[in-house]
């Protein structure tokens, strides 16, 4: 599997384009906006998109999803069902943050903890990690030792929990009990900023060593 991380929206949100080099089939993970730029990268790599994957329902991660799904006939998979709280508020989120108008939507498939999702020639395990938002999920690929973690964990930081239905204690529990046990050697793509590993964050992240 190949991956290109493409920062989108004024929030520099890390959208991941993933694809199988052998077949050209791929997916976009968290296409929050800047759709022309995303499609330029899709065309550059000659990827044939088969689905859209979402970690959670914040505007900068998912606002582009219903537009792409409609234009390209793609299914949207994820987040977990509790995230309907945020997906229903996408128009209000757009107005609040000065984004282009956005539409509420329901994904084609809600994802639950422990389920598997096929994309880009591999299978991802779904890890439900509430705290930043109630229905936030992480996509983990055990063979590649790769996790797409959205806004749960960053290099040297963690996701905000001051939004409605955020819960700091729950977020820390999600990280400590569901992410870090996956292994210190796992590289993760966060929703913002540079990549890191679970091992590096276990040792150096001040929010995990308080």
N, C-alpha and C. Protein backbone atom coordinates (compact mmCIF):
# COMPACT_ATOMS: atom_id res chain seq x y z
N UNK A 1 0.83 -1.20 0.00
CA UNK A 1 0.00 0.00 0.00
C UNK A 1 0.87 1.24 0.00
N UNK A 2 0.48 2.21 -0.81
CA UNK A 2 1.16 3.50 -0.85
C UNK A 2 0.27 4.54 -0.17
N UNK A 3 0.91 5.58 0.34
CA UNK A 3 0.16 6.64 1.01
C UNK A 3 0.80 7.99 0.71
N UNK A 4 -0.05 8.98 0.48
CA UNK A 4 0.40 10.37 0.42
C UNK A 4 -0.48 11.18 1.35
N UNK A 5 0.15 11.93 2.23
CA UNK A 5 -0.57 12.79 3.16
C UNK A 5 -0.68 14.18 2.55
N UNK A 6 -1.91 14.67 2.43
CA UNK A 6 -2.18 15.93 1.73
C UNK A 6 -2.90 16.88 2.69
N UNK A 7 -2.22 17.91 3.20
CA UNK A 7 -2.90 18.86 4.08
C UNK A 7 -3.96 19.66 3.32
N UNK A 8 -5.16 19.74 3.90
CA UNK A 8 -6.27 20.44 3.26
C UNK A 8 -6.94 21.37 4.27
N UNK A 9 -7.67 22.32 3.75
CA UNK A 9 -8.44 23.32 4.49
C UNK A 9 -7.50 24.30 5.20
N UNK A 10 -8.02 25.45 5.63
CA UNK A 10 -7.19 26.40 6.39
C UNK A 10 -6.64 25.81 7.70
N UNK A 11 -7.20 24.68 8.15
CA UNK A 11 -6.72 24.05 9.38
C UNK A 11 -5.59 23.06 9.11
N UNK A 12 -5.13 22.96 7.86
CA UNK A 12 -4.03 22.05 7.48
C UNK A 12 -4.29 20.64 8.02
N UNK A 13 -5.44 20.12 7.68
CA UNK A 13 -5.85 18.78 8.11
C UNK A 13 -5.24 17.75 7.18
N UNK A 14 -4.67 16.70 7.76
CA UNK A 14 -3.97 15.68 6.98
C UNK A 14 -4.94 14.68 6.37
N UNK A 15 -5.32 14.91 5.12
CA UNK A 15 -6.07 13.92 4.36
C UNK A 15 -5.07 12.90 3.82
N UNK A 16 -5.40 11.63 3.91
CA UNK A 16 -4.52 10.58 3.40
C UNK A 16 -5.11 9.95 2.14
N UNK A 17 -4.33 9.96 1.09
CA UNK A 17 -4.66 9.21 -0.12
C UNK A 17 -3.91 7.88 -0.03
N UNK A 18 -4.64 6.79 0.01
CA UNK A 18 -4.02 5.47 0.11
C UNK A 18 -4.41 4.66 -1.12
N UNK A 19 -3.47 3.83 -1.62
CA UNK A 19 -3.79 3.04 -2.79
C UNK A 19 -2.91 1.80 -2.90
N UNK A 20 -3.44 0.84 -3.64
CA UNK A 20 -2.74 -0.40 -3.95
C UNK A 20 -2.01 -0.19 -5.26
N UNK A 21 -0.69 -0.25 -5.22
CA UNK A 21 0.09 0.02 -6.42
C UNK A 21 -0.17 -1.00 -7.52
N UNK A 22 -0.51 -2.22 -7.15
CA UNK A 22 -0.72 -3.27 -8.14
C UNK A 22 -2.01 -3.06 -8.94
N UNK A 23 -3.07 -2.64 -8.25
CA UNK A 23 -4.37 -2.52 -8.92
C UNK A 23 -4.76 -1.08 -9.21
N UNK A 24 -4.15 -0.13 -8.51
CA UNK A 24 -4.52 1.27 -8.64
C UNK A 24 -5.74 1.66 -7.84
N UNK A 25 -6.35 0.71 -7.13
CA UNK A 25 -7.53 1.02 -6.33
C UNK A 25 -7.13 1.70 -5.03
N UNK A 26 -7.91 2.70 -4.63
CA UNK A 26 -7.55 3.43 -3.43
C UNK A 26 -8.72 4.10 -2.76
N UNK A 27 -8.40 4.89 -1.73
CA UNK A 27 -9.42 5.58 -0.95
C UNK A 27 -8.85 6.88 -0.42
N UNK A 28 -9.73 7.79 -0.09
CA UNK A 28 -9.37 9.03 0.60
C UNK A 28 -9.85 8.92 2.04
N UNK A 29 -8.96 9.23 2.96
CA UNK A 29 -9.29 9.21 4.39
C UNK A 29 -9.37 10.65 4.87
N UNK A 30 -10.53 11.06 5.33
CA UNK A 30 -10.78 12.41 5.85
C UNK A 30 -10.57 13.51 4.81
N UNK A 31 -11.32 13.47 3.70
CA UNK A 31 -11.24 14.55 2.71
C UNK A 31 -12.07 15.76 3.14
N UNK A 32 -11.46 16.62 3.94
CA UNK A 32 -12.19 17.73 4.54
C UNK A 32 -12.46 18.91 3.63
N UNK A 33 -11.72 19.01 2.53
CA UNK A 33 -11.90 20.14 1.62
C UNK A 33 -10.81 20.16 0.57
N UNK A 34 -10.70 21.30 -0.14
CA UNK A 34 -9.71 21.44 -1.21
C UNK A 34 -9.81 20.26 -2.18
N UNK A 35 -11.02 20.01 -2.66
CA UNK A 35 -11.26 18.80 -3.45
C UNK A 35 -10.52 18.81 -4.78
N UNK A 36 -10.36 19.99 -5.40
CA UNK A 36 -9.62 20.03 -6.66
C UNK A 36 -8.18 19.57 -6.44
N UNK A 37 -7.58 20.01 -5.36
CA UNK A 37 -6.21 19.59 -5.06
C UNK A 37 -6.14 18.09 -4.81
N UNK A 38 -7.11 17.57 -4.07
CA UNK A 38 -7.12 16.14 -3.81
C UNK A 38 -7.24 15.34 -5.11
N UNK A 39 -8.13 15.78 -5.99
CA UNK A 39 -8.33 15.04 -7.23
C UNK A 39 -7.12 15.17 -8.16
N UNK A 40 -6.39 16.26 -8.05
CA UNK A 40 -5.14 16.37 -8.82
C UNK A 40 -4.15 15.31 -8.37
N UNK A 41 -4.06 15.06 -7.06
CA UNK A 41 -3.14 14.04 -6.55
C UNK A 41 -3.63 12.64 -6.91
N UNK A 42 -4.93 12.45 -6.88
CA UNK A 42 -5.50 11.16 -7.30
C UNK A 42 -5.14 10.88 -8.76
N UNK A 43 -5.30 11.89 -9.62
CA UNK A 43 -4.97 11.72 -11.03
C UNK A 43 -3.47 11.52 -11.23
N UNK A 44 -2.66 12.25 -10.47
CA UNK A 44 -1.21 12.14 -10.59
C UNK A 44 -0.74 10.71 -10.35
N UNK A 45 -1.32 10.06 -9.37
CA UNK A 45 -0.92 8.69 -9.03
C UNK A 45 -1.75 7.64 -9.78
N UNK A 46 -2.66 8.11 -10.63
CA UNK A 46 -3.52 7.22 -11.42
C UNK A 46 -4.30 6.26 -10.52
N UNK A 47 -4.86 6.81 -9.46
CA UNK A 47 -5.63 6.03 -8.50
C UNK A 47 -7.09 5.99 -8.93
N UNK A 48 -7.70 4.82 -8.79
CA UNK A 48 -9.15 4.69 -8.99
C UNK A 48 -9.79 4.57 -7.61
N UNK A 49 -10.45 5.63 -7.19
CA UNK A 49 -11.04 5.65 -5.85
C UNK A 49 -12.21 4.68 -5.77
N UNK A 50 -12.28 3.95 -4.65
CA UNK A 50 -13.38 3.02 -4.44
C UNK A 50 -14.23 3.37 -3.22
N UNK A 51 -13.70 4.22 -2.32
CA UNK A 51 -14.47 4.58 -1.13
C UNK A 51 -13.82 5.77 -0.42
N UNK A 52 -14.57 6.32 0.52
CA UNK A 52 -14.11 7.38 1.40
C UNK A 52 -14.20 6.86 2.83
N UNK A 53 -13.14 7.06 3.60
CA UNK A 53 -13.11 6.66 5.00
C UNK A 53 -13.04 7.90 5.88
N UNK A 54 -13.78 7.89 6.98
CA UNK A 54 -13.82 9.04 7.89
C UNK A 54 -13.50 8.62 9.32
N UNK A 55 -12.63 9.40 9.97
CA UNK A 55 -12.32 9.14 11.38
C UNK A 55 -13.33 9.78 12.32
N UNK A 56 -13.81 10.98 11.97
CA UNK A 56 -14.79 11.65 12.83
C UNK A 56 -15.49 12.77 12.07
N UNK A 57 -16.41 13.44 12.75
CA UNK A 57 -17.33 14.33 12.08
C UNK A 57 -17.02 15.80 12.14
N UNK A 58 -15.80 16.18 12.48
CA UNK A 58 -15.47 17.59 12.45
C UNK A 58 -15.27 18.06 11.01
N UNK A 59 -15.67 19.29 10.80
CA UNK A 59 -15.74 19.90 9.47
C UNK A 59 -14.48 19.69 8.63
N UNK A 60 -13.32 19.94 9.21
CA UNK A 60 -12.08 19.91 8.43
C UNK A 60 -11.69 18.49 8.02
N UNK A 61 -12.37 17.50 8.58
CA UNK A 61 -12.08 16.11 8.24
C UNK A 61 -13.10 15.51 7.27
N UNK A 62 -14.30 16.05 7.21
CA UNK A 62 -15.33 15.34 6.46
C UNK A 62 -16.19 16.19 5.54
N UNK A 63 -15.99 17.51 5.51
CA UNK A 63 -16.91 18.35 4.74
C UNK A 63 -16.90 18.03 3.25
N UNK A 64 -15.78 17.56 2.72
CA UNK A 64 -15.72 17.24 1.30
C UNK A 64 -16.30 15.88 0.96
N UNK A 65 -16.56 15.06 1.96
CA UNK A 65 -16.97 13.68 1.71
C UNK A 65 -18.27 13.55 0.92
N UNK A 66 -19.35 14.23 1.32
CA UNK A 66 -20.60 14.03 0.57
C UNK A 66 -20.52 14.55 -0.86
N UNK A 67 -19.73 15.59 -1.08
CA UNK A 67 -19.57 16.12 -2.44
C UNK A 67 -18.85 15.10 -3.32
N UNK A 68 -17.73 14.57 -2.83
CA UNK A 68 -16.99 13.57 -3.59
C UNK A 68 -17.82 12.31 -3.79
N UNK A 69 -18.52 11.90 -2.76
CA UNK A 69 -19.33 10.69 -2.86
C UNK A 69 -20.38 10.83 -3.96
N UNK A 70 -21.00 11.99 -4.02
CA UNK A 70 -22.03 12.22 -5.03
C UNK A 70 -21.42 12.32 -6.42
N UNK A 71 -20.32 13.05 -6.55
CA UNK A 71 -19.70 13.24 -7.86
C UNK A 71 -19.13 11.96 -8.44
N UNK A 72 -18.55 11.12 -7.58
CA UNK A 72 -17.82 9.95 -8.06
C UNK A 72 -18.53 8.63 -7.78
N UNK A 73 -19.69 8.69 -7.12
CA UNK A 73 -20.42 7.48 -6.82
C UNK A 73 -19.72 6.59 -5.82
N UNK A 74 -19.13 7.20 -4.78
CA UNK A 74 -18.35 6.46 -3.80
C UNK A 74 -19.12 6.27 -2.50
N UNK A 75 -18.97 5.12 -1.85
CA UNK A 75 -19.54 4.96 -0.51
C UNK A 75 -18.67 5.64 0.54
N UNK A 76 -19.32 6.12 1.59
CA UNK A 76 -18.62 6.69 2.75
C UNK A 76 -18.71 5.70 3.89
N UNK A 77 -17.56 5.33 4.46
CA UNK A 77 -17.52 4.38 5.57
C UNK A 77 -16.88 5.04 6.79
N UNK A 78 -17.56 4.94 7.93
CA UNK A 78 -17.13 5.61 9.14
C UNK A 78 -17.77 6.99 9.22
N UNK A 79 -17.72 7.59 10.41
CA UNK A 79 -17.13 7.11 11.67
C UNK A 79 -18.06 6.11 12.39
N UNK A 80 -17.95 6.09 13.74
CA UNK A 80 -18.84 5.29 14.56
C UNK A 80 -20.16 6.05 14.74
N UNK A 81 -21.22 5.33 15.00
CA UNK A 81 -22.58 5.90 14.96
C UNK A 81 -22.78 7.11 15.87
N UNK A 82 -22.09 7.18 16.99
CA UNK A 82 -22.27 8.32 17.90
C UNK A 82 -21.85 9.63 17.25
N UNK A 83 -21.13 9.55 16.14
CA UNK A 83 -20.66 10.77 15.49
C UNK A 83 -21.74 11.48 14.69
N UNK A 84 -22.94 10.90 14.64
CA UNK A 84 -24.06 11.60 14.01
C UNK A 84 -24.29 12.95 14.68
N UNK A 85 -23.91 13.05 15.95
CA UNK A 85 -24.01 14.32 16.68
C UNK A 85 -23.30 15.43 15.93
N UNK A 86 -22.11 15.15 15.39
CA UNK A 86 -21.34 16.17 14.67
C UNK A 86 -21.71 16.25 13.20
N UNK A 87 -21.98 15.12 12.57
CA UNK A 87 -22.33 15.14 11.15
C UNK A 87 -23.61 15.93 10.90
N UNK A 88 -24.56 15.84 11.84
CA UNK A 88 -25.80 16.60 11.70
C UNK A 88 -25.57 18.10 11.80
N UNK A 89 -24.45 18.51 12.42
CA UNK A 89 -24.18 19.93 12.64
C UNK A 89 -23.22 20.53 11.61
N UNK A 90 -22.93 19.81 10.54
CA UNK A 90 -21.95 20.33 9.57
C UNK A 90 -22.32 21.71 9.02
N UNK A 91 -23.57 21.99 8.69
CA UNK A 91 -23.88 23.35 8.22
C UNK A 91 -23.54 24.42 9.27
N UNK A 92 -23.84 24.15 10.54
CA UNK A 92 -23.53 25.10 11.60
C UNK A 92 -22.03 25.20 11.82
N UNK A 93 -21.31 24.07 11.72
CA UNK A 93 -19.86 24.11 11.85
C UNK A 93 -19.24 25.01 10.78
N UNK A 94 -19.73 24.88 9.55
CA UNK A 94 -19.19 25.68 8.44
C UNK A 94 -19.41 27.16 8.69
N UNK A 95 -20.59 27.52 9.15
CA UNK A 95 -20.89 28.92 9.42
C UNK A 95 -20.02 29.45 10.56
N UNK A 96 -19.83 28.64 11.58
CA UNK A 96 -19.06 29.08 12.74
C UNK A 96 -17.60 29.34 12.39
N UNK A 97 -17.01 28.48 11.57
CA UNK A 97 -15.58 28.56 11.30
C UNK A 97 -15.26 29.27 9.99
N UNK A 98 -16.26 29.82 9.31
CA UNK A 98 -16.00 30.56 8.09
C UNK A 98 -15.63 29.70 6.90
N UNK A 99 -16.09 28.46 6.89
CA UNK A 99 -15.85 27.55 5.77
C UNK A 99 -16.95 27.71 4.73
N UNK A 100 -16.73 27.22 3.52
CA UNK A 100 -17.83 27.19 2.53
C UNK A 100 -19.00 26.39 3.09
N UNK A 101 -20.21 26.66 2.60
CA UNK A 101 -21.37 25.91 3.09
C UNK A 101 -21.15 24.41 3.00
N UNK A 102 -21.58 23.71 4.03
CA UNK A 102 -21.41 22.26 4.10
C UNK A 102 -22.75 21.61 4.39
N UNK A 103 -22.87 20.35 4.04
CA UNK A 103 -24.15 19.66 4.20
C UNK A 103 -24.04 18.52 5.20
N UNK A 104 -25.11 18.33 5.96
CA UNK A 104 -25.19 17.17 6.83
C UNK A 104 -25.37 15.92 5.98
N UNK A 105 -24.90 14.79 6.48
CA UNK A 105 -25.07 13.54 5.73
C UNK A 105 -24.98 12.36 6.68
N UNK A 106 -25.42 11.23 6.18
CA UNK A 106 -25.31 9.95 6.90
C UNK A 106 -24.40 9.05 6.07
N UNK A 107 -23.34 8.50 6.64
CA UNK A 107 -22.46 7.63 5.86
C UNK A 107 -23.18 6.36 5.40
N UNK A 108 -22.64 5.73 4.38
CA UNK A 108 -23.23 4.49 3.90
C UNK A 108 -23.01 3.35 4.89
N UNK A 109 -21.96 3.45 5.68
CA UNK A 109 -21.68 2.40 6.66
C UNK A 109 -21.08 3.02 7.91
N UNK A 110 -21.79 2.88 9.03
CA UNK A 110 -21.19 3.21 10.31
C UNK A 110 -20.21 2.11 10.67
N UNK A 111 -19.13 2.44 11.34
CA UNK A 111 -18.13 1.45 11.71
C UNK A 111 -18.06 1.31 13.22
N UNK A 112 -17.93 0.07 13.67
CA UNK A 112 -17.88 -0.23 15.10
C UNK A 112 -16.52 -0.82 15.48
N UNK A 113 -16.18 -0.68 16.73
CA UNK A 113 -14.91 -1.20 17.25
C UNK A 113 -14.76 -2.68 16.92
N UNK A 114 -13.61 -3.04 16.36
CA UNK A 114 -13.33 -4.43 16.04
C UNK A 114 -13.69 -4.85 14.64
N UNK A 115 -14.45 -4.03 13.93
CA UNK A 115 -14.78 -4.36 12.55
C UNK A 115 -13.55 -4.16 11.65
N UNK A 116 -13.65 -4.68 10.44
CA UNK A 116 -12.57 -4.54 9.47
C UNK A 116 -13.08 -3.83 8.23
N UNK A 117 -12.19 -3.06 7.63
CA UNK A 117 -12.53 -2.29 6.43
C UNK A 117 -11.47 -2.58 5.37
N UNK A 118 -11.91 -2.99 4.19
CA UNK A 118 -10.98 -3.23 3.09
C UNK A 118 -10.82 -1.96 2.28
N UNK A 119 -9.56 -1.59 2.02
CA UNK A 119 -9.27 -0.41 1.20
C UNK A 119 -7.82 -0.49 0.75
N UNK A 120 -7.57 -0.07 -0.49
CA UNK A 120 -6.20 0.02 -1.01
C UNK A 120 -5.45 -1.31 -0.93
N UNK A 121 -6.18 -2.41 -1.09
CA UNK A 121 -5.55 -3.71 -1.13
C UNK A 121 -5.21 -4.32 0.22
N UNK A 122 -5.61 -3.68 1.31
CA UNK A 122 -5.34 -4.20 2.65
C UNK A 122 -6.61 -4.10 3.49
N UNK A 123 -6.56 -4.69 4.67
CA UNK A 123 -7.66 -4.58 5.62
C UNK A 123 -7.22 -3.76 6.83
N UNK A 124 -8.04 -2.80 7.18
CA UNK A 124 -7.81 -2.00 8.38
C UNK A 124 -8.72 -2.49 9.50
N UNK A 125 -8.19 -2.48 10.71
CA UNK A 125 -8.99 -2.74 11.89
C UNK A 125 -9.55 -1.42 12.41
N UNK A 126 -10.80 -1.42 12.81
CA UNK A 126 -11.45 -0.23 13.34
C UNK A 126 -11.27 -0.20 14.85
N UNK A 127 -10.72 0.90 15.35
CA UNK A 127 -10.51 1.08 16.79
C UNK A 127 -11.32 2.31 17.23
N UNK A 128 -12.35 2.09 18.02
CA UNK A 128 -13.17 3.20 18.51
C UNK A 128 -12.41 3.91 19.63
N UNK A 129 -12.14 5.20 19.44
CA UNK A 129 -11.35 5.98 20.40
C UNK A 129 -12.08 7.27 20.76
N UNK A 130 -13.14 7.20 21.56
CA UNK A 130 -13.86 8.42 21.93
C UNK A 130 -13.05 9.30 22.87
N UNK A 131 -13.46 10.55 22.94
CA UNK A 131 -12.81 11.52 23.82
C UNK A 131 -12.72 12.88 23.15
N UNK A 132 -12.07 12.93 21.98
CA UNK A 132 -12.09 14.16 21.18
C UNK A 132 -13.50 14.39 20.68
N UNK A 133 -14.11 13.35 20.15
CA UNK A 133 -15.53 13.32 19.80
C UNK A 133 -16.05 11.94 20.18
N UNK A 134 -17.37 11.78 20.31
CA UNK A 134 -17.90 10.51 20.84
C UNK A 134 -17.76 9.32 19.90
N UNK A 135 -17.79 9.57 18.60
CA UNK A 135 -17.76 8.47 17.64
C UNK A 135 -16.47 8.38 16.86
N UNK A 136 -15.40 8.92 17.40
CA UNK A 136 -14.11 8.95 16.69
C UNK A 136 -13.54 7.54 16.56
N UNK A 137 -13.05 7.21 15.36
CA UNK A 137 -12.41 5.92 15.16
C UNK A 137 -11.02 6.11 14.58
N UNK A 138 -10.21 5.07 14.73
CA UNK A 138 -8.85 5.00 14.19
C UNK A 138 -8.80 3.81 13.24
N UNK A 139 -8.10 3.97 12.13
CA UNK A 139 -7.90 2.87 11.19
C UNK A 139 -6.49 2.31 11.39
N UNK A 140 -6.40 1.04 11.77
CA UNK A 140 -5.11 0.41 12.07
C UNK A 140 -4.83 -0.73 11.10
N UNK A 141 -3.63 -0.69 10.49
CA UNK A 141 -3.21 -1.76 9.59
C UNK A 141 -2.05 -2.51 10.26
N UNK A 142 -2.33 -3.71 10.81
CA UNK A 142 -1.32 -4.38 11.63
C UNK A 142 -0.08 -4.83 10.87
N UNK A 143 -0.24 -5.28 9.63
CA UNK A 143 0.93 -5.75 8.88
C UNK A 143 1.88 -4.62 8.51
N UNK A 144 1.31 -3.48 8.17
CA UNK A 144 2.13 -2.31 7.81
C UNK A 144 2.57 -1.52 9.02
N UNK A 145 2.03 -1.87 10.20
CA UNK A 145 2.33 -1.14 11.44
C UNK A 145 2.02 0.35 11.26
N UNK A 146 0.81 0.62 10.78
CA UNK A 146 0.38 1.98 10.43
C UNK A 146 -1.00 2.24 11.01
N UNK A 147 -1.18 3.43 11.57
CA UNK A 147 -2.49 3.84 12.08
C UNK A 147 -2.82 5.23 11.58
N UNK A 148 -4.05 5.41 11.16
CA UNK A 148 -4.57 6.72 10.77
C UNK A 148 -5.48 7.16 11.91
N UNK A 149 -5.00 8.11 12.72
CA UNK A 149 -5.61 8.34 14.04
C UNK A 149 -6.47 9.59 14.13
N UNK A 150 -6.63 10.35 13.04
CA UNK A 150 -7.44 11.55 13.15
C UNK A 150 -6.92 12.48 14.23
N UNK A 151 -7.83 12.99 15.05
CA UNK A 151 -7.45 13.98 16.06
C UNK A 151 -7.37 13.39 17.47
N UNK A 152 -7.13 12.09 17.58
CA UNK A 152 -6.95 11.48 18.89
C UNK A 152 -5.59 11.84 19.48
N UNK A 153 -4.55 11.71 18.65
CA UNK A 153 -3.17 11.84 19.13
C UNK A 153 -2.33 12.57 18.09
N UNK A 154 -1.44 13.43 18.57
CA UNK A 154 -0.51 14.15 17.70
C UNK A 154 0.91 13.97 18.22
N UNK A 155 1.87 14.38 17.43
CA UNK A 155 3.24 14.40 17.94
C UNK A 155 3.32 15.44 19.05
N UNK A 156 3.55 15.00 20.27
CA UNK A 156 3.70 15.89 21.40
C UNK A 156 2.42 16.47 21.96
N UNK A 157 1.27 15.99 21.49
CA UNK A 157 0.01 16.56 21.98
C UNK A 157 -1.10 15.53 21.82
N UNK A 158 -2.31 15.94 22.20
CA UNK A 158 -3.50 15.09 22.06
C UNK A 158 -4.63 15.96 21.52
N UNK A 159 -5.74 15.33 21.18
CA UNK A 159 -6.88 16.06 20.66
C UNK A 159 -7.53 16.96 21.69
N UNK A 160 -8.16 18.01 21.20
CA UNK A 160 -8.91 18.90 22.08
C UNK A 160 -10.12 18.17 22.65
N UNK A 161 -10.49 18.55 23.85
CA UNK A 161 -11.68 17.96 24.47
C UNK A 161 -12.64 19.02 24.99
N UNK A 162 -12.46 20.26 24.53
CA UNK A 162 -13.31 21.35 25.00
C UNK A 162 -14.51 21.59 24.09
N UNK A 163 -14.71 20.74 23.09
CA UNK A 163 -15.91 20.81 22.26
C UNK A 163 -17.04 20.06 22.95
N UNK A 164 -18.30 20.31 22.53
CA UNK A 164 -19.40 19.54 23.09
C UNK A 164 -19.16 18.04 22.95
N UNK A 165 -19.44 17.31 24.01
CA UNK A 165 -19.28 15.86 24.11
C UNK A 165 -17.82 15.41 24.04
N UNK A 166 -16.90 16.34 24.23
CA UNK A 166 -15.51 15.95 24.43
C UNK A 166 -15.31 15.52 25.87
N UNK A 167 -14.33 14.64 26.10
CA UNK A 167 -14.11 14.11 27.45
C UNK A 167 -12.63 13.78 27.59
N UNK A 168 -11.91 14.58 28.38
CA UNK A 168 -10.46 14.42 28.49
C UNK A 168 -10.08 13.05 29.06
N UNK A 169 -10.74 12.65 30.13
CA UNK A 169 -10.40 11.36 30.74
C UNK A 169 -10.66 10.21 29.77
N UNK A 170 -11.74 10.33 29.02
CA UNK A 170 -12.07 9.29 28.04
C UNK A 170 -11.03 9.25 26.92
N UNK A 171 -10.56 10.42 26.49
CA UNK A 171 -9.54 10.48 25.45
C UNK A 171 -8.24 9.82 25.92
N UNK A 172 -7.80 10.15 27.12
CA UNK A 172 -6.58 9.54 27.65
C UNK A 172 -6.74 8.03 27.75
N UNK A 173 -7.91 7.58 28.19
CA UNK A 173 -8.16 6.14 28.28
C UNK A 173 -8.12 5.49 26.90
N UNK A 174 -8.68 6.16 25.90
CA UNK A 174 -8.64 5.62 24.53
C UNK A 174 -7.21 5.44 24.06
N UNK A 175 -6.37 6.43 24.32
CA UNK A 175 -4.98 6.36 23.89
C UNK A 175 -4.23 5.28 24.65
N UNK A 176 -4.35 5.29 25.96
CA UNK A 176 -3.57 4.38 26.80
C UNK A 176 -4.03 2.92 26.68
N UNK A 177 -5.33 2.72 26.50
CA UNK A 177 -5.88 1.37 26.53
C UNK A 177 -6.10 0.77 25.15
N UNK A 178 -6.26 1.62 24.12
CA UNK A 178 -6.58 1.09 22.80
C UNK A 178 -5.52 1.37 21.74
N UNK A 179 -4.79 2.48 21.86
CA UNK A 179 -3.79 2.78 20.83
C UNK A 179 -2.39 2.30 21.22
N UNK A 180 -1.88 2.74 22.34
CA UNK A 180 -0.50 2.39 22.70
C UNK A 180 -0.27 0.88 22.77
N UNK A 181 -1.23 0.07 23.22
CA UNK A 181 -0.99 -1.38 23.23
C UNK A 181 -0.82 -1.99 21.85
N UNK A 182 -1.14 -1.26 20.78
CA UNK A 182 -0.94 -1.79 19.43
C UNK A 182 0.54 -1.94 19.10
N UNK A 183 1.41 -1.22 19.83
CA UNK A 183 2.84 -1.42 19.65
C UNK A 183 3.62 -0.14 19.48
N UNK A 184 4.79 -0.07 20.11
CA UNK A 184 5.64 1.11 20.01
C UNK A 184 6.12 1.37 18.59
N UNK A 185 6.17 0.31 17.77
CA UNK A 185 6.71 0.45 16.41
C UNK A 185 5.68 0.95 15.41
N UNK A 186 4.46 1.19 15.86
CA UNK A 186 3.41 1.65 14.94
C UNK A 186 3.61 3.12 14.61
N UNK A 187 3.72 3.42 13.32
CA UNK A 187 3.75 4.80 12.85
C UNK A 187 2.32 5.28 12.69
N UNK A 188 2.05 6.52 13.10
CA UNK A 188 0.69 7.03 12.92
C UNK A 188 0.67 8.35 12.17
N UNK A 189 -0.38 8.50 11.38
CA UNK A 189 -0.67 9.75 10.68
C UNK A 189 -1.72 10.48 11.50
N UNK A 190 -1.36 11.62 12.10
CA UNK A 190 -2.34 12.38 12.87
C UNK A 190 -3.18 13.28 11.96
N UNK A 191 -4.22 13.85 12.53
CA UNK A 191 -5.06 14.74 11.75
C UNK A 191 -4.40 16.06 11.41
N UNK A 192 -3.36 16.42 12.13
CA UNK A 192 -2.64 17.67 11.89
C UNK A 192 -1.18 17.45 12.29
N UNK A 193 -0.27 18.06 11.55
CA UNK A 193 1.13 18.02 11.94
C UNK A 193 1.86 16.77 11.47
N UNK A 194 3.10 16.60 11.94
CA UNK A 194 3.97 15.53 11.44
C UNK A 194 3.61 14.15 12.00
N UNK A 195 4.08 13.12 11.29
CA UNK A 195 3.90 11.75 11.73
C UNK A 195 4.74 11.48 12.97
N UNK A 196 4.37 10.43 13.69
CA UNK A 196 5.14 10.00 14.85
C UNK A 196 4.92 8.50 15.03
N UNK A 197 5.40 7.96 16.13
CA UNK A 197 5.14 6.56 16.48
C UNK A 197 4.52 6.51 17.87
N UNK A 198 3.82 5.43 18.14
CA UNK A 198 3.24 5.27 19.47
C UNK A 198 4.33 5.20 20.53
N UNK A 199 5.46 4.59 20.18
CA UNK A 199 6.56 4.50 21.13
C UNK A 199 7.12 5.86 21.51
N UNK A 200 7.29 6.72 20.49
CA UNK A 200 7.80 8.06 20.77
C UNK A 200 6.85 8.83 21.67
N UNK A 201 5.55 8.70 21.40
CA UNK A 201 4.57 9.43 22.22
C UNK A 201 4.48 8.84 23.63
N UNK A 202 4.60 7.54 23.74
CA UNK A 202 4.59 6.92 25.07
C UNK A 202 5.71 7.50 25.94
N UNK A 203 6.87 7.74 25.33
CA UNK A 203 8.03 8.20 26.07
C UNK A 203 8.06 9.71 26.28
N UNK A 204 7.59 10.49 25.31
CA UNK A 204 7.86 11.92 25.32
C UNK A 204 6.63 12.82 25.37
N UNK A 205 5.45 12.30 25.10
CA UNK A 205 4.27 13.16 25.05
C UNK A 205 3.88 13.61 26.45
N UNK A 206 3.92 14.92 26.73
CA UNK A 206 3.66 15.38 28.10
C UNK A 206 2.25 15.09 28.58
N UNK A 207 1.30 14.97 27.66
CA UNK A 207 -0.09 14.70 28.06
C UNK A 207 -0.28 13.25 28.48
N UNK A 208 0.65 12.39 28.09
CA UNK A 208 0.55 10.97 28.46
C UNK A 208 1.45 10.63 29.63
N UNK A 209 2.21 11.62 30.08
CA UNK A 209 3.14 11.39 31.18
C UNK A 209 2.93 12.39 32.31
N UNK A 210 1.70 12.86 32.43
CA UNK A 210 1.39 13.86 33.46
C UNK A 210 1.36 13.22 34.84
